[in-house]
Amino acid sequence: MTEALDRRTFAIISHPDAGKTTLTEKLLLSGGAIHLAGEVKARGAARRARSDWMKIEQQRGISVTSSVMTFERDGITFNLLDTPGHEDFSEDTYRTLTAVDSAIMVIDAARGIEAQTRKLFEVCRLRSVPIITFVNKVDREGREPFELLDEIADVLALDVTPMSWPAGMGGQFEGVYNLASNELDQPTGDSRAFEGKRATLTGLDDSALETLLSADRLEQLREEAELAQAGYAAFDEAAYRHGDLTPVYFGSALKQFGVEALIDAIARHAPPPRPQPAEPAPVEPTRDEVTGFVFKVQANMDPNHRDRIAFMRLCSGTFKRGMKLTPTGHGKPVAIHSPILFFAQERELADEAFPGDIIGIPNHGTLRVGDTLSEKADVRFTGLPNFAPEILRRVVLKDPTKTKQLRKALDDMAEEGVTQVFYPEIGANLVIGVVGQLQLDVLISRLEAEYKVAAGLEMAPFETARWVSAGDPKKLKEFTDINRTAMAKDRDGNPVFMAKSAWEVGYVAERYPDVTFAATRER
C-alpha cells in the first residue's frame, strides 16, 4: 500500500490550442523524463512533442490519441495521461478520464473557458475527479486575472483559490508570485523564459520586491494579490479532493512559468489511487487481489512490429510479470509475460506494478476496451460506455482486392475506439460511425500509412445510430423485421437502428414504445 500511496495518476484536459501538449512536455522536462524541449510544431523528430507519435499528429501539431507517460520526482511516481484536446475525440478522452484520480485543466488566459473545456469538466464532475486549474499564456496579452477566476467560479460552479499571481501580463509581464511559498519567478534573457531566477521572500510586503519589480508592477501585484487572497476561498484539501474547489495557478507552459508549482501541487494535494466503480461493489486499492480494466487499445505504436497494446489501469493488488489474469471478455486466464511501462514511444518491461499504474499488455485482439482483468474473475468495472455516432459513412475501396485487409483494419480501429463499424442487414458496404469529422481524416490516414489500404468515404443514407433492445424478444423481432433496410449489427452482434436524422429517431421511438433506443452502451 506504501507504493500505491506514492502514485499520482492524472490527466491534462483543455480546449484545442490552450497549450496542453506543450505543458505535457514541460512537465516531463521538469520531472527529468526528457532532456530536450521542443515546440509541438518544431521540425525534426527529436524536437517535436514526445507524446504526439502518430503521423497525422506530427503533420498537424495536434494530439488525436491518448498517450501515457510515467516519471518519478522526489519519491513520487507520476502517471500522466495526455488526452486529445480536439472535440472530435471526446470518446477517447472520456475513457481516459475513467482511468485517472485527478486532472489539470488548462485554460488560455486570452480565451477563458471554452466549449470543450466545459464538456470535459462535466465528465470530471460525473466522476468527482479533483481538478487543478492552470491559466496558461500569461506572458501574452490576456484577460484580467479576476475576470478569469470569476468565470471559472460561475461557469463551473466551483470555489476557486488563487495559488499564484502574475506580476503583469502580456508586454508588462515581469514574473509569477507564488502565494503559498512567497517565491517570485522572473523571466531572464531575450527569450523572457523562466531559467531558475527565483527570489524567496517573507511576503508581499518584503522590501526586496522593490529591487525585483518595476514600481508599477509591484504596486499592482500587492494590490491584486491581497484582494484575491481576501476575496476568494482559502485552499481546503478536502474540498479540492471532493471536486468542490479548484486551486488556480497562473503561468506559461512555453516559457516554463508555473510548471514546477503544478508538479508540487499534484504531489502534495492530488489523491493517491481511489476506489473504482465496479460490480458487485467498488474496488478499493487496498484489496489483495490484482484487478484492473482496459480503457484504451492502440495498434501500431511501433509500425515495424505491427504491435497491439491494451492500456490497463491497475486498481488493486501488486501486479508481477508473468502472472495470469482473467479478462471478462472470454473468461480464459491470460499469462502476461511482457507488460510495458510507457514513456510515449519509449517503453520498458514492468516487473511489477501497483494500484494507479498504467501498464501496456501486448495482445492480438484478445483484449478490448472495457475488459476487466482480475485474478479471481469475481468483479467487473463499470462506467466505460460506447457513444452513438453522429456521422455515418460508407467505406469505398480503391482496390477491390484489399477487402480482407480493410475489414481487419476497421476491426482493429473499432477495438481502439477510433471508429465504430456497423454491418448492414441488407447490402455489403460496411458503414463506419464517428463522433467528429477529424476522426474520418485519421481513419483514412491510418488505413494508408499502417495497413497500405487506399480507401475513400461516401455519404451513407443514414446520419445517426441507436442500439435497440426490448424486454420482450418478440417485440424486438417485430421491429427489426419491419425496419430491415435500416438495421445493422455492431461488431459484437448487437442490433443497431440507423436513422436518417435525430428527428427520425424520435419519431420511430414514439411509434415503438416497447423498444428502447440507446445513445450509449456499456462496454
Protein backbone atom coordinates (compact mmCIF):
# COMPACT_ATOMS: atom_id res chain seq x y z
CA MET A 1 0.00 0.00 0.00
CA THR A 2 3.01 2.30 0.57
CA GLU A 3 3.83 2.11 -3.15
CA ALA A 4 0.22 2.92 -4.07
CA LEU A 5 0.21 5.99 -1.79
CA ASP A 6 3.18 7.34 -3.79
CA ARG A 7 1.25 7.16 -7.10
CA ARG A 8 -0.36 10.17 -8.78
CA THR A 9 -2.32 9.24 -11.89
CA PHE A 10 -3.65 12.34 -13.62
CA ALA A 11 -4.78 13.69 -16.99
CA ILE A 12 -4.44 17.06 -18.66
CA ILE A 13 -7.64 18.40 -20.23
CA SER A 14 -8.24 21.52 -22.30
CA HIS A 15 -9.78 23.06 -25.38
CA PRO A 16 -7.63 22.72 -28.54
CA ASP A 17 -4.70 25.16 -28.70
CA ALA A 18 -4.79 26.05 -25.00
CA GLY A 19 -1.25 24.64 -24.70
CA LYS A 20 -1.91 21.19 -23.29
CA THR A 21 0.73 19.26 -25.24
CA THR A 22 3.33 21.97 -24.53
CA LEU A 23 2.52 21.73 -20.81
CA THR A 24 2.84 17.93 -21.00
CA GLU A 25 6.30 18.30 -22.48
CA LYS A 26 7.41 20.82 -19.86
CA LEU A 27 6.10 18.64 -17.01
CA LEU A 28 8.19 15.78 -18.42
CA LEU A 29 11.18 18.09 -18.71
CA SER A 30 10.81 19.30 -15.10
CA GLY A 31 10.30 15.70 -13.98
CA GLY A 32 13.59 14.71 -15.60
CA ALA A 33 11.88 12.36 -18.03
CA ILE A 34 13.23 14.20 -21.11
CA HIS A 35 16.21 16.47 -21.61
CA LEU A 36 15.33 18.37 -24.77
CA ALA A 37 12.39 20.74 -25.06
CA GLY A 38 10.90 21.49 -28.46
CA GLU A 39 7.71 23.17 -29.56
CA VAL A 40 4.91 20.99 -30.93
CA LYS A 41 5.34 22.15 -34.49
CA ALA A 42 9.13 22.36 -34.48
CA ARG A 43 10.88 20.43 -37.20
CA GLY A 44 12.77 17.21 -36.58
CA ALA A 45 11.64 14.09 -34.76
CA ALA A 46 13.82 14.87 -31.73
CA ARG A 47 12.23 18.29 -31.26
CA ARG A 48 8.54 17.50 -31.51
CA ALA A 49 6.28 16.81 -28.54
CA ARG A 50 7.12 13.32 -27.35
CA SER A 51 3.52 12.37 -26.71
CA ASP A 52 2.40 13.00 -30.33
CA TRP A 53 3.75 9.99 -32.25
CA MET A 54 1.14 9.37 -34.94
CA LYS A 55 1.93 10.70 -38.44
CA ILE A 56 -1.17 12.89 -38.64
CA GLU A 57 -0.37 14.36 -35.21
CA GLN A 58 3.12 15.35 -36.32
CA GLN A 59 1.76 16.94 -39.53
CA ARG A 60 -0.99 18.96 -37.83
CA GLY A 61 0.64 19.65 -34.46
CA ILE A 62 -2.32 18.26 -32.53
CA SER A 63 -2.94 15.31 -30.23
CA VAL A 64 -5.53 12.87 -31.54
CA THR A 65 -4.84 9.91 -29.28
CA SER A 66 -4.22 9.48 -25.57
CA SER A 67 -0.63 8.83 -24.51
CA VAL A 68 0.69 7.55 -21.21
CA MET A 69 3.92 8.82 -19.69
CA THR A 70 5.45 7.80 -16.38
CA PHE A 71 8.14 9.70 -14.50
CA GLU A 72 9.46 9.96 -10.94
CA ARG A 73 10.27 13.02 -8.86
CA ASP A 74 11.15 13.25 -5.16
CA GLY A 75 9.94 9.71 -4.45
CA ILE A 76 6.55 10.20 -6.17
CA THR A 77 5.64 8.23 -9.32
CA PHE A 78 3.59 10.33 -11.74
CA ASN A 79 1.45 8.63 -14.38
CA LEU A 80 0.50 11.39 -16.82
CA LEU A 81 -2.23 10.71 -19.38
CA ASP A 82 -2.15 13.19 -22.25
CA THR A 83 -5.59 13.29 -23.86
CA PRO A 84 -6.76 14.57 -27.25
CA GLY A 85 -7.83 18.19 -26.95
CA HIS A 86 -9.86 18.10 -30.13
CA GLU A 87 -13.58 17.68 -29.50
CA ASP A 88 -13.87 15.05 -32.25
CA PHE A 89 -12.01 12.66 -29.94
CA SER A 90 -14.22 13.11 -26.91
CA GLU A 91 -14.80 9.34 -26.62
CA ASP A 92 -11.10 8.60 -26.20
CA THR A 93 -10.81 11.44 -23.68
CA TYR A 94 -13.87 10.27 -21.76
CA ARG A 95 -12.45 6.76 -21.41
CA THR A 96 -9.08 8.15 -20.35
CA LEU A 97 -10.74 10.19 -17.61
CA THR A 98 -12.16 6.96 -16.14
CA ALA A 99 -8.56 5.85 -15.52
CA VAL A 100 -7.28 8.88 -13.58
CA ASP A 101 -7.54 10.09 -10.00
CA SER A 102 -7.18 13.82 -10.73
CA ALA A 103 -6.80 16.27 -13.61
CA ILE A 104 -5.11 19.52 -14.62
CA MET A 105 -7.43 21.81 -16.57
CA VAL A 106 -5.55 24.16 -18.90
CA ILE A 107 -7.22 27.48 -19.78
CA ASP A 108 -5.96 30.04 -22.29
CA ALA A 109 -5.59 33.41 -20.48
CA ALA A 110 -6.99 35.25 -23.50
CA ARG A 111 -9.95 32.97 -24.17
CA GLY A 112 -11.06 31.74 -20.76
CA ILE A 113 -13.33 28.71 -20.55
CA GLU A 114 -14.20 27.32 -23.98
CA ALA A 115 -16.78 24.74 -25.06
CA GLN A 116 -14.54 21.66 -24.97
CA THR A 117 -13.12 22.64 -21.57
CA ARG A 118 -16.61 22.80 -20.13
CA LYS A 119 -17.58 19.47 -21.71
CA LEU A 120 -14.53 17.70 -20.28
CA PHE A 121 -15.08 19.33 -16.90
CA GLU A 122 -18.60 17.87 -16.80
CA VAL A 123 -17.10 14.40 -17.38
CA CYS A 124 -14.74 15.01 -14.45
CA ARG A 125 -17.64 16.17 -12.31
CA LEU A 126 -19.62 12.99 -13.05
CA ARG A 127 -16.77 11.01 -11.52
CA SER A 128 -15.86 13.62 -8.83
CA VAL A 129 -12.36 13.94 -10.29
CA PRO A 130 -10.44 16.71 -8.43
CA ILE A 131 -9.17 19.47 -10.73
CA ILE A 132 -6.21 21.85 -10.53
CA THR A 133 -6.58 24.80 -12.93
CA PHE A 134 -3.64 26.19 -14.89
CA VAL A 135 -4.21 29.57 -16.57
CA ASN A 136 -1.72 29.44 -19.44
CA LYS A 137 -0.04 32.09 -21.63
CA VAL A 138 0.03 34.92 -19.07
CA ASP A 139 3.16 36.20 -20.85
CA ARG A 140 0.84 37.21 -23.71
CA GLU A 141 -1.98 39.72 -23.74
CA GLY A 142 -5.00 38.21 -21.99
CA ARG A 143 -8.00 38.86 -19.81
CA GLU A 144 -7.77 40.22 -16.28
CA PRO A 145 -6.98 37.53 -13.65
CA PHE A 146 -10.07 38.45 -11.59
CA GLU A 147 -12.27 38.10 -14.67
CA LEU A 148 -10.84 34.64 -15.37
CA LEU A 149 -11.27 33.50 -11.76
CA ASP A 150 -14.86 34.71 -11.65
CA GLU A 151 -15.62 32.92 -14.93
CA ILE A 152 -14.24 29.64 -13.56
CA ALA A 153 -16.31 30.06 -10.41
CA ASP A 154 -19.53 30.98 -12.26
CA VAL A 155 -19.40 28.68 -15.31
CA LEU A 156 -18.11 25.59 -13.49
CA ALA A 157 -19.85 26.26 -10.16
CA LEU A 158 -16.61 25.76 -8.22
CA ASP A 159 -14.91 27.56 -5.39
CA VAL A 160 -11.58 28.96 -6.63
CA THR A 161 -8.38 29.52 -4.70
CA PRO A 162 -5.60 31.51 -6.43
CA MET A 163 -2.31 29.82 -5.53
CA SER A 164 -0.11 32.16 -7.56
CA TRP A 165 -0.48 35.56 -9.19
CA PRO A 166 1.06 37.15 -12.31
CA ALA A 167 3.10 40.32 -11.91
CA GLY A 168 1.62 41.94 -15.01
CA MET A 169 0.52 40.20 -18.20
CA GLY A 170 1.50 40.38 -21.87
CA GLY A 171 4.05 43.11 -22.59
CA GLN A 172 4.06 44.14 -18.91
CA PHE A 173 4.76 40.60 -17.62
CA GLU A 174 7.52 40.55 -15.01
CA GLY A 175 7.05 37.18 -13.34
CA VAL A 176 4.75 34.94 -11.28
CA TYR A 177 4.42 35.21 -7.48
CA ASN A 178 3.66 32.00 -5.57
CA LEU A 179 1.22 33.00 -2.82
CA ALA A 180 1.80 29.81 -0.79
CA SER A 181 5.61 29.77 -0.76
CA ASN A 182 6.21 33.53 -1.18
CA GLU A 183 8.56 32.97 -4.13
CA LEU A 184 8.84 35.14 -7.23
CA ASP A 185 9.84 33.52 -10.54
CA GLN A 186 11.16 36.04 -13.06
CA PRO A 187 11.96 35.96 -16.79
CA THR A 188 15.55 36.20 -18.00
CA GLY A 189 17.34 36.80 -21.30
CA ASP A 190 15.90 37.56 -24.70
CA SER A 191 13.53 34.58 -24.55
CA ARG A 192 11.87 36.01 -21.41
CA ALA A 193 11.57 32.41 -20.14
CA PHE A 194 11.96 31.14 -16.57
CA GLU A 195 15.51 29.84 -16.25
CA GLY A 196 15.74 29.45 -12.50
CA LYS A 197 15.71 33.12 -11.46
CA ARG A 198 13.71 32.76 -8.24
CA ALA A 199 13.60 35.01 -5.20
CA THR A 200 12.43 33.73 -1.80
CA LEU A 201 10.66 36.43 0.18
CA THR A 202 8.97 36.91 3.54
CA GLY A 203 5.71 38.09 1.96
CA LEU A 204 4.21 40.67 -0.38
CA ASP A 205 5.41 43.47 1.93
CA ASP A 206 9.07 42.35 1.67
CA SER A 207 11.14 45.41 0.69
CA ALA A 208 13.32 43.19 -1.55
CA LEU A 209 10.46 43.21 -4.06
CA GLU A 210 11.24 46.86 -4.77
CA THR A 211 14.53 45.86 -6.41
CA LEU A 212 12.97 42.95 -8.35
CA LEU A 213 9.90 44.55 -9.92
CA SER A 214 9.14 47.93 -11.50
CA ALA A 215 7.21 50.32 -9.25
CA ASP A 216 4.02 49.97 -11.29
CA ARG A 217 4.08 46.15 -11.35
CA LEU A 218 4.90 45.95 -7.65
CA GLU A 219 2.01 48.21 -6.70
CA GLN A 220 -0.32 46.24 -9.00
CA LEU A 221 0.87 42.85 -7.64
CA ARG A 222 0.46 43.86 -3.99
CA GLU A 223 -2.97 45.35 -4.53
CA GLU A 224 -4.36 42.50 -6.67
CA ALA A 225 -2.82 39.60 -4.73
CA GLU A 226 -4.03 40.91 -1.36
CA LEU A 227 -7.51 41.46 -2.78
CA ALA A 228 -7.51 37.93 -4.29
CA GLN A 229 -6.45 36.31 -1.02
CA ALA A 230 -9.16 38.19 0.88
CA GLY A 231 -11.91 37.74 -1.71
CA TYR A 232 -11.61 34.05 -2.62
CA ALA A 233 -11.83 30.90 -0.52
CA ALA A 234 -8.73 29.66 1.29
CA PHE A 235 -7.36 26.38 -0.01
CA ASP A 236 -9.10 23.35 1.52
CA GLU A 237 -7.63 19.99 0.52
CA ALA A 238 -10.78 18.05 1.46
CA ALA A 239 -12.96 20.34 -0.70
CA TYR A 240 -10.47 20.02 -3.59
CA ARG A 241 -10.39 16.21 -3.39
CA HIS A 242 -14.16 16.12 -3.28
CA GLY A 243 -14.32 18.15 -6.51
CA ASP A 244 -15.85 21.28 -4.95
CA LEU A 245 -12.80 23.58 -5.12
CA THR A 246 -10.07 24.17 -7.68
CA PRO A 247 -6.68 25.71 -6.83
CA VAL A 248 -5.67 28.06 -9.68
CA TYR A 249 -2.10 28.57 -10.88
CA PHE A 250 -1.06 31.24 -13.37
CA GLY A 251 1.85 30.64 -15.72
CA SER A 252 3.21 29.99 -19.19
CA ALA A 253 3.93 26.42 -20.24
CA LEU A 254 6.05 27.56 -23.19
CA LYS A 255 8.20 29.83 -21.00
CA GLN A 256 8.24 27.32 -18.10
CA PHE A 257 6.43 29.56 -15.58
CA GLY A 258 4.29 27.72 -13.03
CA VAL A 259 5.24 24.21 -14.20
CA GLU A 260 7.18 23.22 -11.07
CA ALA A 261 4.39 24.59 -8.89
CA LEU A 262 1.95 22.31 -10.73
CA ILE A 263 4.07 19.21 -10.16
CA ASP A 264 4.45 20.11 -6.48
CA ALA A 265 0.69 20.65 -6.19
CA ILE A 266 -0.07 17.25 -7.76
CA ALA A 267 2.47 15.58 -5.43
CA ARG A 268 1.23 17.35 -2.29
CA HIS A 269 -2.53 17.61 -2.77
CA ALA A 270 -3.77 15.26 -5.53
CA PRO A 271 -5.21 11.99 -4.21
CA PRO A 272 -3.39 8.66 -4.46
CA PRO A 273 -5.35 5.80 -6.17
CA ARG A 274 -9.05 6.00 -5.36
CA PRO A 275 -11.75 3.27 -5.18
CA GLN A 276 -13.06 2.38 -8.64
CA PRO A 277 -16.76 1.79 -9.52
CA ALA A 278 -17.44 -1.90 -10.12
CA GLU A 279 -19.97 -4.68 -9.71
CA PRO A 280 -20.84 -6.13 -7.23
CA ALA A 281 -19.10 -3.38 -5.19
CA PRO A 282 -16.46 -0.64 -5.70
CA VAL A 283 -12.88 -1.95 -5.69
CA GLU A 284 -10.61 -0.45 -3.03
CA PRO A 285 -6.89 -0.06 -3.85
CA THR A 286 -6.17 -1.94 -0.59
CA ARG A 287 -7.74 -5.15 -1.96
CA ASP A 288 -5.18 -8.00 -2.12
CA GLU A 289 -6.19 -9.49 -5.48
CA VAL A 290 -4.90 -7.86 -8.66
CA THR A 291 -7.67 -6.13 -10.63
CA GLY A 292 -7.65 -3.62 -13.47
CA PHE A 293 -9.54 -2.51 -16.55
CA VAL A 294 -8.63 -1.78 -20.15
CA PHE A 295 -9.51 1.83 -21.03
CA LYS A 296 -7.68 2.01 -24.35
CA VAL A 297 -6.29 -0.23 -27.09
CA GLN A 298 -3.69 1.13 -29.51
CA ALA A 299 -2.42 -0.63 -32.62
CA ASN A 300 0.81 0.06 -34.47
CA MET A 301 2.50 2.36 -31.96
CA ASP A 302 5.61 0.75 -33.45
CA PRO A 303 4.76 0.20 -37.15
CA ASN A 304 7.84 -2.02 -37.57
CA HIS A 305 6.34 -4.63 -35.25
CA ARG A 306 2.61 -4.32 -36.06
CA ASP A 307 2.05 -4.32 -32.33
CA ARG A 308 -1.22 -4.07 -30.42
CA ILE A 309 -1.19 -2.71 -26.88
CA ALA A 310 -4.02 -2.73 -24.35
CA PHE A 311 -3.66 0.03 -21.73
CA MET A 312 -4.73 -1.27 -18.32
CA ARG A 313 -5.32 0.85 -15.22
CA LEU A 314 -4.27 -1.23 -12.21
CA CYS A 315 -6.87 -0.77 -9.46
CA SER A 316 -5.73 -3.13 -6.67
CA GLY A 317 -3.09 -5.68 -5.72
CA THR A 318 0.58 -5.94 -6.68
CA PHE A 319 0.97 -6.99 -10.30
CA LYS A 320 4.01 -9.13 -11.15
CA ARG A 321 5.28 -10.00 -14.60
CA GLY A 322 4.14 -13.44 -15.80
CA MET A 323 1.05 -13.64 -13.57
CA LYS A 324 -2.25 -14.89 -15.02
CA LEU A 325 -5.29 -12.64 -15.14
CA THR A 326 -8.77 -13.46 -16.44
CA PRO A 327 -10.45 -10.96 -18.82
CA THR A 328 -14.23 -10.61 -18.68
CA GLY A 329 -14.34 -10.86 -22.48
CA HIS A 330 -13.79 -14.61 -22.79
CA GLY A 331 -13.10 -15.97 -19.32
CA LYS A 332 -9.81 -17.77 -20.11
CA PRO A 333 -6.82 -16.79 -17.97
CA VAL A 334 -4.12 -14.92 -19.88
CA ALA A 335 -0.46 -15.02 -18.81
CA ILE A 336 1.03 -11.54 -19.08
CA HIS A 337 4.68 -12.09 -19.92
CA SER A 338 5.70 -8.73 -21.38
CA PRO A 339 3.86 -5.92 -19.54
CA ILE A 340 5.11 -2.48 -20.52
CA LEU A 341 5.59 0.80 -18.69
CA PHE A 342 5.29 3.73 -21.07
CA PHE A 343 7.07 6.85 -21.89
CA ALA A 344 5.38 7.84 -25.17
CA GLN A 345 7.27 5.74 -27.75
CA GLU A 346 9.90 4.60 -25.29
CA ARG A 347 9.00 1.65 -23.11
CA GLU A 348 10.47 -0.81 -20.66
CA LEU A 349 9.33 -4.13 -19.25
CA ALA A 350 7.44 -3.81 -15.98
CA ASP A 351 8.49 -6.45 -13.46
CA GLU A 352 5.86 -5.19 -11.06
CA ALA A 353 3.20 -2.50 -10.86
CA PHE A 354 0.96 -1.05 -8.18
CA PRO A 355 -2.53 0.50 -7.94
CA GLY A 356 -2.66 3.66 -10.01
CA ASP A 357 -0.08 2.46 -12.54
CA ILE A 358 -0.90 2.15 -16.24
CA ILE A 359 0.64 -0.89 -17.90
CA GLY A 360 0.59 -1.93 -21.52
CA ILE A 361 -0.31 -5.50 -22.39
CA PRO A 362 0.73 -6.67 -25.88
CA ASN A 363 -2.01 -8.86 -27.36
CA HIS A 364 -3.53 -9.92 -30.67
CA GLY A 365 -7.13 -8.85 -30.31
CA THR A 366 -7.87 -10.81 -27.12
CA LEU A 367 -8.30 -7.66 -25.00
CA ARG A 368 -10.77 -4.89 -25.75
CA VAL A 369 -11.73 -1.53 -24.28
CA GLY A 370 -13.91 -2.08 -21.21
CA ASP A 371 -12.50 -5.51 -20.33
CA THR A 372 -11.89 -6.17 -16.63
CA LEU A 373 -8.82 -8.26 -15.76
CA SER A 374 -8.64 -9.92 -12.37
CA GLU A 375 -7.11 -12.87 -10.54
CA LYS A 376 -10.41 -14.35 -9.36
CA ALA A 377 -12.79 -13.16 -12.14
CA ASP A 378 -15.29 -12.07 -9.48
CA VAL A 379 -15.52 -8.37 -10.35
CA ARG A 380 -16.47 -6.18 -13.32
CA PHE A 381 -15.56 -2.49 -13.60
CA THR A 382 -18.31 -0.20 -14.86
CA GLY A 383 -18.61 3.21 -16.50
CA LEU A 384 -16.87 2.81 -19.90
CA PRO A 385 -19.60 3.49 -22.45
CA ASN A 386 -19.78 3.49 -26.24
CA PHE A 387 -21.38 6.66 -27.63
CA ALA A 388 -23.78 6.71 -30.57
CA PRO A 389 -22.02 8.10 -33.68
CA GLU A 390 -23.02 11.48 -35.06
CA ILE A 391 -21.53 10.92 -38.54
CA LEU A 392 -22.03 7.77 -40.64
CA ARG A 393 -20.10 7.00 -43.85
CA ARG A 394 -19.65 4.12 -46.26
CA VAL A 395 -16.08 2.98 -46.94
CA VAL A 396 -15.18 2.62 -50.63
CA LEU A 397 -12.06 0.64 -51.57
CA LYS A 398 -9.91 1.94 -54.42
CA ASP A 399 -8.53 -1.60 -54.88
CA PRO A 400 -11.30 -4.23 -54.50
CA THR A 401 -8.74 -6.99 -53.83
CA LYS A 402 -7.99 -5.43 -50.41
CA THR A 403 -11.39 -6.25 -48.87
CA LYS A 404 -9.85 -8.60 -46.29
CA GLN A 405 -7.22 -6.03 -45.22
CA LEU A 406 -9.94 -3.36 -44.95
CA ARG A 407 -12.08 -5.49 -42.63
CA LYS A 408 -9.05 -6.27 -40.45
CA ALA A 409 -8.08 -2.58 -40.29
CA LEU A 410 -11.60 -1.43 -39.42
CA ASP A 411 -11.91 -4.13 -36.76
CA ASP A 412 -8.59 -3.02 -35.25
CA MET A 413 -9.63 0.61 -35.17
CA ALA A 414 -13.07 -0.23 -33.80
CA GLU A 415 -11.32 -2.02 -30.91
CA GLU A 416 -9.28 1.12 -30.29
CA GLY A 417 -12.36 3.34 -30.34
CA VAL A 418 -11.19 5.37 -33.36
CA THR A 419 -14.36 4.37 -35.17
CA GLN A 420 -17.37 2.11 -34.85
CA VAL A 421 -18.16 -0.46 -37.55
CA PHE A 422 -21.69 -1.49 -38.49
CA TYR A 423 -22.62 -4.45 -40.70
CA PRO A 424 -25.92 -3.67 -42.51
CA GLU A 425 -28.56 -6.40 -42.68
CA ILE A 426 -29.02 -5.58 -46.38
CA GLY A 427 -26.08 -4.64 -48.62
CA ALA A 428 -22.37 -5.42 -48.49
CA ASN A 429 -20.89 -1.96 -47.87
CA LEU A 430 -19.62 -1.54 -44.31
CA VAL A 431 -20.79 1.60 -42.53
CA ILE A 432 -18.46 3.38 -40.13
CA GLY A 433 -19.62 5.74 -37.41
CA VAL A 434 -17.65 8.51 -35.68
CA VAL A 435 -18.36 11.34 -33.26
CA GLY A 436 -16.44 14.02 -35.22
CA GLN A 437 -15.10 14.83 -38.68
CA LEU A 438 -11.41 14.70 -37.71
CA GLN A 439 -11.81 11.02 -36.83
CA LEU A 440 -12.57 10.36 -40.50
CA ASP A 441 -9.30 12.05 -41.53
CA VAL A 442 -7.39 9.94 -39.00
CA LEU A 443 -9.11 6.79 -40.27
CA ILE A 444 -8.14 7.39 -43.92
CA SER A 445 -4.60 8.46 -42.93
CA ARG A 446 -4.04 5.33 -40.83
CA LEU A 447 -5.58 2.97 -43.41
CA GLU A 448 -2.95 4.12 -45.87
CA ALA A 449 0.03 4.56 -43.53
CA GLU A 450 -0.39 1.44 -41.38
CA TYR A 451 -2.39 -1.03 -43.47
CA LYS A 452 -1.45 0.05 -47.04
CA VAL A 453 -5.16 0.24 -47.90
CA ALA A 454 -6.24 3.09 -50.19
CA ALA A 455 -9.88 3.94 -49.47
CA GLY A 456 -12.35 6.76 -49.72
CA LEU A 457 -15.57 7.66 -47.97
CA GLU A 458 -19.01 8.33 -49.40
CA MET A 459 -22.20 9.57 -47.85
CA ALA A 460 -24.32 6.91 -46.19
CA PRO A 461 -28.12 7.16 -46.35
CA PHE A 462 -28.07 7.49 -42.55
CA GLU A 463 -26.98 10.19 -40.14
CA THR A 464 -27.02 8.60 -36.70
CA ALA A 465 -27.50 5.26 -34.98
CA ARG A 466 -29.06 3.82 -31.81
CA TRP A 467 -28.69 0.49 -30.07
CA VAL A 468 -32.10 -1.17 -29.80
CA SER A 469 -33.38 -3.58 -27.18
CA ALA A 470 -36.72 -4.69 -25.71
CA GLY A 471 -37.92 -6.60 -22.67
CA ASP A 472 -39.98 -8.83 -24.94
CA PRO A 473 -37.85 -10.55 -27.67
CA LYS A 474 -40.95 -10.79 -29.90
CA LYS A 475 -41.39 -7.01 -29.89
CA LEU A 476 -37.73 -6.56 -30.86
CA LYS A 477 -38.02 -9.12 -33.70
CA GLU A 478 -41.18 -7.45 -34.94
CA PHE A 479 -39.39 -4.08 -35.03
CA THR A 480 -36.25 -5.39 -36.77
CA ASP A 481 -38.27 -7.32 -39.38
CA ILE A 482 -40.29 -4.23 -40.35
CA ASN A 483 -37.19 -1.98 -40.46
CA ARG A 484 -34.68 -4.38 -42.03
CA THR A 485 -33.35 -1.81 -44.52
CA ALA A 486 -32.28 0.40 -41.59
CA MET A 487 -30.94 -2.37 -39.34
CA ALA A 488 -27.33 -3.34 -38.78
CA LYS A 489 -25.21 -5.23 -36.27
CA ASP A 490 -22.27 -3.77 -34.39
CA ARG A 491 -19.07 -5.78 -34.08
CA ASP A 492 -20.46 -7.58 -31.01
CA GLY A 493 -23.61 -8.62 -32.86
CA ASN A 494 -25.91 -6.14 -31.07
CA PRO A 495 -28.82 -4.82 -33.16
CA VAL A 496 -28.46 -1.20 -34.28
CA PHE A 497 -31.10 1.04 -35.85
CA MET A 498 -29.61 3.52 -38.35
CA ALA A 499 -31.67 6.67 -38.79
CA LYS A 500 -31.70 9.43 -41.42
CA SER A 501 -31.85 12.10 -38.71
CA ALA A 502 -32.26 12.67 -34.99
CA TRP A 503 -35.88 13.61 -35.75
CA GLU A 504 -36.45 10.15 -37.24
CA VAL A 505 -35.08 8.52 -34.07
CA GLY A 506 -37.67 10.39 -32.01
CA TYR A 507 -40.48 9.60 -34.46
CA VAL A 508 -39.70 5.87 -34.58
CA ALA A 509 -39.25 5.70 -30.80
CA GLU A 510 -42.77 7.11 -30.37
CA ARG A 511 -44.21 4.51 -32.74
CA TYR A 512 -42.49 1.64 -30.90
CA PRO A 513 -42.81 2.40 -27.16
CA ASP A 514 -41.79 -1.17 -26.22
CA VAL A 515 -38.38 -0.77 -27.89
CA THR A 516 -35.52 1.10 -26.18
CA PHE A 517 -33.30 3.31 -28.38
CA ALA A 518 -30.00 3.85 -26.54
CA ALA A 519 -27.43 6.56 -27.39
CA THR A 520 -24.83 4.87 -25.18
CA ARG A 521 -23.99 1.27 -24.50
CA GLU A 522 -21.90 -0.03 -21.62
CA ARG A 523 -18.83 -1.81 -22.92
